[in-house]
Amino acid sequence: DDQYLDLDLHSDRQQYEQLVAKLELKLKEQK
């Protein structure tokens, strides 16, 4: 279950966007 995101589903798309936002923040913190 935790290995798959279906971006046609609203909840999975939100999860994708949240994960991407965290990754983007991490990149910025690491300069």
Full PDB file with SEQRES, HELIX, SHEET, SSBOND, CRYST1, ORIGX, SCALE, CONECT and MASTER records, all heavy atoms in Angstrom:
SEQRES   1 A   31  ASP ASP GLN TYR LEU ASP LEU ASP LEU HIS SER ASP ARG          
SEQRES   2 A   31  GLN GLN TYR GLU GLN LEU VAL ALA LYS LEU GLU LEU LYS          
SEQRES   3 A   31  LEU LYS GLU GLN LYS                                          
HELIX    1 AA1 HIS A   10  GLU A   29  1                                  20    
CRYST1    1.000    1.000    1.000  90.00  90.00  90.00 P 1           1          
ORIGX1      1.000000  0.000000  0.000000        0.00000                         
ORIGX2      0.000000  1.000000  0.000000        0.00000                         
ORIGX3      0.000000  0.000000  1.000000        0.00000                         
SCALE1      1.000000  0.000000  0.000000        0.00000                         
SCALE2      0.000000  1.000000  0.000000        0.00000                         
SCALE3      0.000000  0.000000  1.000000        0.00000                         
ATOM      1  N   ASP A   1       0.807  -1.230   0.000  1.00  0.00           N  
ATOM      2  CA  ASP A   1       0.000   0.000   0.000  1.00  0.00           C  
ATOM      3  C   ASP A   1       0.837   1.277   0.000  1.00  0.00           C  
ATOM      4  O   ASP A   1       0.518   2.225  -0.715  1.00  0.00           O  
ATOM      5  CB  ASP A   1      -0.949   0.023   1.196  1.00  0.00           C  
ATOM      6  CG  ASP A   1      -2.097  -0.968   1.049  1.00  0.00           C  
ATOM      7  OD1 ASP A   1      -2.392  -1.385  -0.096  1.00  0.00           O  
ATOM      8  OD2 ASP A   1      -2.686  -1.349   2.075  1.00  0.00           O  
ATOM      9  N   ASP A   2       1.909   1.322   0.784  1.00  0.00           N  
ATOM     10  CA  ASP A   2       2.694   2.551   0.896  1.00  0.00           C  
ATOM     11  C   ASP A   2       3.633   2.773  -0.293  1.00  0.00           C  
ATOM     12  O   ASP A   2       4.327   3.786  -0.357  1.00  0.00           O  
ATOM     13  CB  ASP A   2       3.479   2.578   2.204  1.00  0.00           C  
ATOM     14  CG  ASP A   2       4.568   1.523   2.277  1.00  0.00           C  
ATOM     15  OD1 ASP A   2       4.507   0.516   1.534  1.00  0.00           O  
ATOM     16  OD2 ASP A   2       5.487   1.685   3.103  1.00  0.00           O  
ATOM     17  N   GLN A   3       3.634   1.857  -1.254  1.00  0.00           N  
ATOM     18  CA  GLN A   3       4.525   1.971  -2.409  1.00  0.00           C  
ATOM     19  C   GLN A   3       3.829   2.545  -3.646  1.00  0.00           C  
ATOM     20  O   GLN A   3       4.468   2.723  -4.675  1.00  0.00           O  
ATOM     21  CB  GLN A   3       5.113   0.603  -2.768  1.00  0.00           C  
ATOM     22  CG  GLN A   3       6.014   0.041  -1.687  1.00  0.00           C  
ATOM     23  CD  GLN A   3       6.484  -1.364  -2.004  1.00  0.00           C  
ATOM     24  OE1 GLN A   3       5.731  -2.201  -2.477  1.00  0.00           O  
ATOM     25  NE2 GLN A   3       7.751  -1.609  -1.731  1.00  0.00           N  
ATOM     26  N   TYR A   4       2.544   2.827  -3.565  1.00  0.00           N  
ATOM     27  CA  TYR A   4       1.779   3.188  -4.754  1.00  0.00           C  
ATOM     28  C   TYR A   4       0.929   4.423  -4.520  1.00  0.00           C  
ATOM     29  O   TYR A   4       0.229   4.529  -3.512  1.00  0.00           O  
ATOM     30  CB  TYR A   4       0.876   2.012  -5.135  1.00  0.00           C  
ATOM     31  CG  TYR A   4      -0.038   2.260  -6.303  1.00  0.00           C  
ATOM     32  CD1 TYR A   4       0.460   2.606  -7.547  1.00  0.00           C  
ATOM     33  CD2 TYR A   4      -1.415   2.137  -6.161  1.00  0.00           C  
ATOM     34  CE1 TYR A   4      -0.396   2.814  -8.626  1.00  0.00           C  
ATOM     35  CE2 TYR A   4      -2.277   2.337  -7.233  1.00  0.00           C  
ATOM     36  CZ  TYR A   4      -1.755   2.682  -8.464  1.00  0.00           C  
ATOM     37  OH  TYR A   4      -2.592   2.893  -9.522  1.00  0.00           O  
ATOM     38  N   LEU A   5       0.999   5.347  -5.482  1.00  0.00           N  
ATOM     39  CA  LEU A   5       0.105   6.504  -5.495  1.00  0.00           C  
ATOM     40  C   LEU A   5      -0.577   6.588  -6.847  1.00  0.00           C  
ATOM     41  O   LEU A   5       0.079   6.545  -7.894  1.00  0.00           O  
ATOM     42  CB  LEU A   5       0.866   7.811  -5.244  1.00  0.00           C  
ATOM     43  CG  LEU A   5       1.432   8.019  -3.843  1.00  0.00           C  
ATOM     44  CD1 LEU A   5       2.233   9.314  -3.783  1.00  0.00           C  
ATOM     45  CD2 LEU A   5       0.319   8.032  -2.802  1.00  0.00           C  
ATOM     46  N   ASP A   6      -1.892   6.694  -6.827  1.00  0.00           N  
ATOM     47  CA  ASP A   6      -2.700   6.862  -8.028  1.00  0.00           C  
ATOM     48  C   ASP A   6      -3.099   8.327  -8.096  1.00  0.00           C  
ATOM     49  O   ASP A   6      -3.984   8.768  -7.353  1.00  0.00           O  
ATOM     50  CB  ASP A   6      -3.924   5.947  -7.969  1.00  0.00           C  
ATOM     51  CG  ASP A   6      -4.795   6.040  -9.198  1.00  0.00           C  
ATOM     52  OD1 ASP A   6      -4.620   7.003  -9.995  1.00  0.00           O  
ATOM     53  OD2 ASP A   6      -5.670   5.170  -9.363  1.00  0.00           O  
ATOM     54  N   LEU A   7      -2.451   9.084  -8.968  1.00  0.00           N  
ATOM     55  CA  LEU A   7      -2.662  10.528  -9.010  1.00  0.00           C  
ATOM     56  C   LEU A   7      -4.007  10.932  -9.609  1.00  0.00           C  
ATOM     57  O   LEU A   7      -4.345  12.116  -9.629  1.00  0.00           O  
ATOM     58  CB  LEU A   7      -1.506  11.207  -9.750  1.00  0.00           C  
ATOM     59  CG  LEU A   7      -0.127  10.956  -9.131  1.00  0.00           C  
ATOM     60  CD1 LEU A   7       0.952  11.684  -9.918  1.00  0.00           C  
ATOM     61  CD2 LEU A   7      -0.088  11.334  -7.663  1.00  0.00           C  
ATOM     62  N   ASP A   8      -4.790   9.957 -10.050  1.00  0.00           N  
ATOM     63  CA  ASP A   8      -6.172  10.239 -10.459  1.00  0.00           C  
ATOM     64  C   ASP A   8      -7.094  10.331  -9.246  1.00  0.00           C  
ATOM     65  O   ASP A   8      -8.209  10.840  -9.349  1.00  0.00           O  
ATOM     66  CB  ASP A   8      -6.701   9.156 -11.403  1.00  0.00           C  
ATOM     67  CG  ASP A   8      -6.062   9.225 -12.781  1.00  0.00           C  
ATOM     68  OD1 ASP A   8      -5.441  10.257 -13.116  1.00  0.00           O  
ATOM     69  OD2 ASP A   8      -6.198   8.236 -13.530  1.00  0.00           O  
ATOM     70  N   LEU A   9      -6.627   9.834  -8.112  1.00  0.00           N  
ATOM     71  CA  LEU A   9      -7.412   9.885  -6.871  1.00  0.00           C  
ATOM     72  C   LEU A   9      -7.016  11.123  -6.076  1.00  0.00           C  
ATOM     73  O   LEU A   9      -5.831  11.368  -5.840  1.00  0.00           O  
ATOM     74  CB  LEU A   9      -7.181   8.631  -6.023  1.00  0.00           C  
ATOM     75  CG  LEU A   9      -7.528   7.300  -6.671  1.00  0.00           C  
ATOM     76  CD1 LEU A   9      -7.141   6.153  -5.750  1.00  0.00           C  
ATOM     77  CD2 LEU A   9      -9.020   7.244  -7.013  1.00  0.00           C  
ATOM     78  N   HIS A  10      -7.992  11.884  -5.657  1.00  0.00           N  
ATOM     79  CA  HIS A  10      -7.736  13.136  -4.937  1.00  0.00           C  
ATOM     80  C   HIS A  10      -6.836  12.918  -3.721  1.00  0.00           C  
ATOM     81  O   HIS A  10      -5.876  13.663  -3.514  1.00  0.00           O  
ATOM     82  CB  HIS A  10      -9.069  13.782  -4.534  1.00  0.00           C  
ATOM     83  CG  HIS A  10      -8.908  15.089  -3.852  1.00  0.00           C  
ATOM     84  ND1 HIS A  10      -8.546  16.236  -4.532  1.00  0.00           N  
ATOM     85  CD2 HIS A  10      -9.033  15.426  -2.550  1.00  0.00           C  
ATOM     86  CE1 HIS A  10      -8.453  17.224  -3.664  1.00  0.00           C  
ATOM     87  NE2 HIS A  10      -8.756  16.769  -2.465  1.00  0.00           N  
ATOM     88  N   SER A  11      -7.129  11.908  -2.912  1.00  0.00           N  
ATOM     89  CA  SER A  11      -6.349  11.683  -1.688  1.00  0.00           C  
ATOM     90  C   SER A  11      -4.893  11.336  -2.006  1.00  0.00           C  
ATOM     91  O   SER A  11      -3.973  11.803  -1.324  1.00  0.00           O  
ATOM     92  CB  SER A  11      -6.981  10.582  -0.838  1.00  0.00           C  
ATOM     93  OG  SER A  11      -7.031   9.365  -1.567  1.00  0.00           O  
ATOM     94  N   ASP A  12      -4.657  10.543  -3.046  1.00  0.00           N  
ATOM     95  CA  ASP A  12      -3.284  10.193  -3.419  1.00  0.00           C  
ATOM     96  C   ASP A  12      -2.557  11.397  -4.018  1.00  0.00           C  
ATOM     97  O   ASP A  12      -1.364  11.592  -3.786  1.00  0.00           O  
ATOM     98  CB  ASP A  12      -3.267   9.028  -4.407  1.00  0.00           C  
ATOM     99  CG  ASP A  12      -3.487   7.680  -3.734  1.00  0.00           C  
ATOM    100  OD1 ASP A  12      -3.858   7.660  -2.538  1.00  0.00           O  
ATOM    101  OD2 ASP A  12      -3.301   6.651  -4.402  1.00  0.00           O  
ATOM    102  N   ARG A  13      -3.281  12.219  -4.774  1.00  0.00           N  
ATOM    103  CA  ARG A  13      -2.661  13.417  -5.339  1.00  0.00           C  
ATOM    104  C   ARG A  13      -2.254  14.380  -4.210  1.00  0.00           C  
ATOM    105  O   ARG A  13      -1.173  14.962  -4.242  1.00  0.00           O  
ATOM    106  CB  ARG A  13      -3.594  14.125  -6.302  1.00  0.00           C  
ATOM    107  CG  ARG A  13      -2.937  15.341  -6.978  1.00  0.00           C  
ATOM    108  CD  ARG A  13      -3.862  15.972  -7.978  1.00  0.00           C  
ATOM    109  NE  ARG A  13      -4.084  15.091  -9.089  1.00  0.00           N  
ATOM    110  CZ  ARG A  13      -3.575  15.269 -10.303  1.00  0.00           C  
ATOM    111  NH1 ARG A  13      -2.825  16.313 -10.543  1.00  0.00           N  
ATOM    112  NH2 ARG A  13      -3.838  14.430 -11.270  1.00  0.00           N  
ATOM    113  N   GLN A  14      -3.119  14.515  -3.188  1.00  0.00           N  
ATOM    114  CA  GLN A  14      -2.769  15.356  -2.040  1.00  0.00           C  
ATOM    115  C   GLN A  14      -1.528  14.806  -1.339  1.00  0.00           C  
ATOM    116  O   GLN A  14      -0.643  15.563  -0.951  1.00  0.00           O  
ATOM    117  CB  GLN A  14      -3.935  15.424  -1.058  1.00  0.00           C  
ATOM    118  CG  GLN A  14      -5.004  16.387  -1.462  1.00  0.00           C  
ATOM    119  CD  GLN A  14      -6.060  16.510  -0.379  1.00  0.00           C  
ATOM    120  OE1 GLN A  14      -6.532  15.511   0.174  1.00  0.00           O  
ATOM    121  NE2 GLN A  14      -6.442  17.743  -0.088  1.00  0.00           N  
ATOM    122  N   GLN A  15      -1.480  13.493  -1.171  1.00  0.00           N  
ATOM    123  CA  GLN A  15      -0.318  12.878  -0.523  1.00  0.00           C  
ATOM    124  C   GLN A  15       0.943  13.133  -1.353  1.00  0.00           C  
ATOM    125  O   GLN A  15       1.999  13.455  -0.802  1.00  0.00           O  
ATOM    126  CB  GLN A  15      -0.543  11.377  -0.340  1.00  0.00           C  
ATOM    127  CG  GLN A  15       0.546  10.703   0.451  1.00  0.00           C  
ATOM    128  CD  GLN A  15       0.276   9.212   0.670  1.00  0.00           C  
ATOM    129  OE1 GLN A  15      -0.796   8.706   0.368  1.00  0.00           O  
ATOM    130  NE2 GLN A  15       1.264   8.527   1.199  1.00  0.00           N  
ATOM    131  N   TYR A  16       0.849  12.991  -2.675  1.00  0.00           N  
ATOM    132  CA  TYR A  16       1.971  13.271  -3.572  1.00  0.00           C  
ATOM    133  C   TYR A  16       2.446  14.718  -3.379  1.00  0.00           C  
ATOM    134  O   TYR A  16       3.636  14.970  -3.212  1.00  0.00           O  
ATOM    135  CB  TYR A  16       1.544  13.023  -5.022  1.00  0.00           C  
ATOM    136  CG  TYR A  16       2.581  13.378  -6.061  1.00  0.00           C  
ATOM    137  CD1 TYR A  16       3.580  12.484  -6.424  1.00  0.00           C  
ATOM    138  CD2 TYR A  16       2.559  14.626  -6.707  1.00  0.00           C  
ATOM    139  CE1 TYR A  16       4.525  12.806  -7.388  1.00  0.00           C  
ATOM    140  CE2 TYR A  16       3.498  14.953  -7.666  1.00  0.00           C  
ATOM    141  CZ  TYR A  16       4.478  14.038  -8.007  1.00  0.00           C  
ATOM    142  OH  TYR A  16       5.408  14.361  -8.951  1.00  0.00           O  
ATOM    143  N   GLU A  17       1.504  15.652  -3.390  1.00  0.00           N  
ATOM    144  CA  GLU A  17       1.855  17.066  -3.245  1.00  0.00           C  
ATOM    145  C   GLU A  17       2.499  17.356  -1.892  1.00  0.00           C  
ATOM    146  O   GLU A  17       3.447  18.131  -1.798  1.00  0.00           O  
ATOM    147  CB  GLU A  17       0.618  17.932  -3.456  1.00  0.00           C  
ATOM    148  CG  GLU A  17       0.133  17.922  -4.895  1.00  0.00           C  
ATOM    149  CD  GLU A  17      -1.230  18.571  -5.106  1.00  0.00           C  
ATOM    150  OE1 GLU A  17      -1.858  19.030  -4.115  1.00  0.00           O  
ATOM    151  OE2 GLU A  17      -1.675  18.624  -6.264  1.00  0.00           O  
ATOM    152  N   GLN A  18       2.005  16.710  -0.827  1.00  0.00           N  
ATOM    153  CA  GLN A  18       2.591  16.889   0.502  1.00  0.00           C  
ATOM    154  C   GLN A  18       4.010  16.315   0.565  1.00  0.00           C  
ATOM    155  O   GLN A  18       4.914  16.942   1.123  1.00  0.00           O  
ATOM    156  CB  GLN A  18       1.704  16.236   1.561  1.00  0.00           C  
ATOM    157  CG  GLN A  18       0.397  16.953   1.789  1.00  0.00           C  
ATOM    158  CD  GLN A  18      -0.595  16.153   2.609  1.00  0.00           C  
ATOM    159  OE1 GLN A  18      -0.352  15.017   2.988  1.00  0.00           O  
ATOM    160  NE2 GLN A  18      -1.751  16.752   2.871  1.00  0.00           N  
ATOM    161  N   LEU A  19       4.197  15.139  -0.015  1.00  0.00           N  
ATOM    162  CA  LEU A  19       5.531  14.531  -0.036  1.00  0.00           C  
ATOM    163  C   LEU A  19       6.504  15.384  -0.837  1.00  0.00           C  
ATOM    164  O   LEU A  19       7.644  15.614  -0.413  1.00  0.00           O  
ATOM    165  CB  LEU A  19       5.467  13.115  -0.611  1.00  0.00           C  
ATOM    166  CG  LEU A  19       4.821  12.052   0.263  1.00  0.00           C  
ATOM    167  CD1 LEU A  19       4.551  10.777  -0.533  1.00  0.00           C  
ATOM    168  CD2 LEU A  19       5.694  11.754   1.482  1.00  0.00           C  
ATOM    169  N   VAL A  20       6.066  15.899  -1.977  1.00  0.00           N  
ATOM    170  CA  VAL A  20       6.914  16.753  -2.808  1.00  0.00           C  
ATOM    171  C   VAL A  20       7.252  18.045  -2.068  1.00  0.00           C  
ATOM    172  O   VAL A  20       8.397  18.500  -2.092  1.00  0.00           O  
ATOM    173  CB  VAL A  20       6.247  17.031  -4.175  1.00  0.00           C  
ATOM    174  CG1 VAL A  20       6.912  18.189  -4.894  1.00  0.00           C  
ATOM    175  CG2 VAL A  20       6.284  15.775  -5.036  1.00  0.00           C  
ATOM    176  N   ALA A  21       6.282  18.629  -1.375  1.00  0.00           N  
ATOM    177  CA  ALA A  21       6.539  19.860  -0.609  1.00  0.00           C  
ATOM    178  C   ALA A  21       7.587  19.613   0.474  1.00  0.00           C  
ATOM    179  O   ALA A  21       8.482  20.437   0.686  1.00  0.00           O  
ATOM    180  CB  ALA A  21       5.241  20.384   0.006  1.00  0.00           C  
ATOM    181  N   LYS A  22       7.510  18.474   1.152  1.00  0.00           N  
ATOM    182  CA  LYS A  22       8.520  18.123   2.169  1.00  0.00           C  
ATOM    183  C   LYS A  22       9.897  17.944   1.544  1.00  0.00           C  
ATOM    184  O   LYS A  22      10.903  18.390   2.097  1.00  0.00           O  
ATOM    185  CB  LYS A  22       8.114  16.843   2.909  1.00  0.00           C  
ATOM    186  CG  LYS A  22       6.982  17.024   3.875  1.00  0.00           C  
ATOM    187  CD  LYS A  22       6.621  15.703   4.540  1.00  0.00           C  
ATOM    188  CE  LYS A  22       5.375  15.838   5.379  1.00  0.00           C  
ATOM    189  NZ  LYS A  22       4.957  14.557   5.974  1.00  0.00           N  
ATOM    190  N   LEU A  23       9.947  17.285   0.395  1.00  0.00           N  
ATOM    191  CA  LEU A  23      11.230  17.079  -0.287  1.00  0.00           C  
ATOM    192  C   LEU A  23      11.820  18.417  -0.743  1.00  0.00           C  
ATOM    193  O   LEU A  23      13.024  18.648  -0.618  1.00  0.00           O  
ATOM    194  CB  LEU A  23      11.053  16.141  -1.482  1.00  0.00           C  
ATOM    195  CG  LEU A  23      10.745  14.685  -1.149  1.00  0.00           C  
ATOM    196  CD1 LEU A  23      10.339  13.917  -2.400  1.00  0.00           C  
ATOM    197  CD2 LEU A  23      11.941  14.021  -0.474  1.00  0.00           C  
ATOM    198  N   GLU A  24      10.963  19.294  -1.245  1.00  0.00           N  
ATOM    199  CA  GLU A  24      11.417  20.609  -1.686  1.00  0.00           C  
ATOM    200  C   GLU A  24      11.966  21.413  -0.507  1.00  0.00           C  
ATOM    201  O   GLU A  24      13.027  22.047  -0.611  1.00  0.00           O  
ATOM    202  CB  GLU A  24      10.267  21.351  -2.352  1.00  0.00           C  
ATOM    203  CG  GLU A  24      10.685  22.591  -3.087  1.00  0.00           C  
ATOM    204  CD  GLU A  24       9.551  23.159  -3.913  1.00  0.00           C  
ATOM    205  OE1 GLU A  24       8.424  23.286  -3.388  1.00  0.00           O  
ATOM    206  OE2 GLU A  24       9.804  23.477  -5.080  1.00  0.00           O  
ATOM    207  N   LEU A  25      11.267  21.373   0.627  1.00  0.00           N  
ATOM    208  CA  LEU A  25      11.726  22.065   1.827  1.00  0.00           C  
ATOM    209  C   LEU A  25      13.071  21.508   2.287  1.00  0.00           C  
ATOM    210  O   LEU A  25      13.982  22.260   2.646  1.00  0.00           O  
ATOM    211  CB  LEU A  25      10.672  21.935   2.934  1.00  0.00           C  
ATOM    212  CG  LEU A  25      10.973  22.663   4.241  1.00  0.00           C  
ATOM    213  CD1 LEU A  25      11.098  24.170   4.006  1.00  0.00           C  
ATOM    214  CD2 LEU A  25       9.892  22.374   5.263  1.00  0.00           C  
ATOM    215  N   LYS A  26      13.204  20.211   2.245  1.00  0.00           N  
ATOM    216  CA  LYS A  26      14.463  19.559   2.651  1.00  0.00           C  
ATOM    217  C   LYS A  26      15.616  20.005   1.755  1.00  0.00           C  
ATOM    218  O   LYS A  26      16.722  20.281   2.241  1.00  0.00           O  
ATOM    219  CB  LYS A  26      14.299  18.036   2.602  1.00  0.00           C  
ATOM    220  CG  LYS A  26      15.443  17.270   3.183  1.00  0.00           C  
ATOM    221  CD  LYS A  26      15.115  15.780   3.226  1.00  0.00           C  
ATOM    222  CE  LYS A  26      16.255  15.005   3.833  1.00  0.00           C  
ATOM    223  NZ  LYS A  26      15.966  13.570   3.910  1.00  0.00           N  
ATOM    224  N   LEU A  27      15.372  20.106   0.460  1.00  0.00           N  
ATOM    225  CA  LEU A  27      16.404  20.581  -0.462  1.00  0.00           C  
ATOM    226  C   LEU A  27      16.822  22.006  -0.124  1.00  0.00           C  
ATOM    227  O   LEU A  27      18.014  22.338  -0.114  1.00  0.00           O  
ATOM    228  CB  LEU A  27      15.906  20.531  -1.911  1.00  0.00           C  
ATOM    229  CG  LEU A  27      15.778  19.165  -2.559  1.00  0.00           C  
ATOM    230  CD1 LEU A  27      15.147  19.293  -3.944  1.00  0.00           C  
ATOM    231  CD2 LEU A  27      17.127  18.473  -2.663  1.00  0.00           C  
ATOM    232  N   LYS A  28      15.836  22.854   0.178  1.00  0.00           N  
ATOM    233  CA  LYS A  28      16.126  24.246   0.520  1.00  0.00           C  
ATOM    234  C   LYS A  28      16.909  24.327   1.825  1.00  0.00           C  
ATOM    235  O   LYS A  28      17.854  25.110   1.942  1.00  0.00           O  
ATOM    236  CB  LYS A  28      14.839  25.056   0.609  1.00  0.00           C  
ATOM    237  CG  LYS A  28      14.213  25.316  -0.741  1.00  0.00           C  
ATOM    238  CD  LYS A  28      12.890  26.053  -0.634  1.00  0.00           C  
ATOM    239  CE  LYS A  28      12.292  26.262  -2.003  1.00  0.00           C  
ATOM    240  NZ  LYS A  28      10.969  26.887  -1.961  1.00  0.00           N  
ATOM    241  N   GLU A  29      16.532  23.517   2.818  1.00  0.00           N  
ATOM    242  CA  GLU A  29      17.243  23.501   4.104  1.00  0.00           C  
ATOM    243  C   GLU A  29      18.692  23.049   3.926  1.00  0.00           C  
ATOM    244  O   GLU A  29      19.580  23.527   4.623  1.00  0.00           O  
ATOM    245  CB  GLU A  29      16.531  22.582   5.096  1.00  0.00           C  
ATOM    246  CG  GLU A  29      15.226  23.144   5.623  1.00  0.00           C  
ATOM    247  CD  GLU A  29      14.433  22.128   6.442  1.00  0.00           C  
ATOM    248  OE1 GLU A  29      14.813  20.940   6.491  1.00  0.00           O  
ATOM    249  OE2 GLU A  29      13.409  22.539   7.018  1.00  0.00           O  
ATOM    250  N   GLN A  30      18.911  22.128   2.995  1.00  0.00           N  
ATOM    251  CA  GLN A  30      20.265  21.630   2.723  1.00  0.00           C  
ATOM    252  C   GLN A  30      21.014  22.530   1.742  1.00  0.00           C  
ATOM    253  O   GLN A  30      22.132  22.226   1.348  1.00  0.00           O  
ATOM    254  CB  GLN A  30      20.201  20.207   2.164  1.00  0.00           C  
ATOM    255  CG  GLN A  30      19.666  19.201   3.141  1.00  0.00           C  
ATOM    256  CD  GLN A  30      19.444  17.830   2.499  1.00  0.00           C  
ATOM    257  OE1 GLN A  30      19.479  17.673   1.282  1.00  0.00           O  
ATOM    258  NE2 GLN A  30      19.212  16.844   3.340  1.00  0.00           N  
ATOM    259  N   LYS A  31      20.350  23.644   1.372  1.00  0.00           N  
ATOM    260  CA  LYS A  31      20.899  24.619   0.437  1.00  0.00           C  
ATOM    261  C   LYS A  31      21.311  23.971  -0.890  1.00  0.00           C  
ATOM    262  O   LYS A  31      22.303  24.353  -1.506  1.00  0.00           O  
ATOM    263  CB  LYS A  31      22.077  25.368   1.071  1.00  0.00           C  
ATOM    264  CG  LYS A  31      21.681  26.166   2.301  1.00  0.00           C  
ATOM    265  CD  LYS A  31      22.776  27.079   2.741  1.00  0.00           C  
ATOM    266  CE  LYS A  31      22.553  27.841   3.988  1.00  0.00           C  
ATOM    267  NZ  LYS A  31      21.299  28.113   4.551  1.00  0.00           N  
TER     268      LYS A  31                                                      
MASTER        0    0    0    1    0    0    0    6  267    1    0    3          
END                                                                             
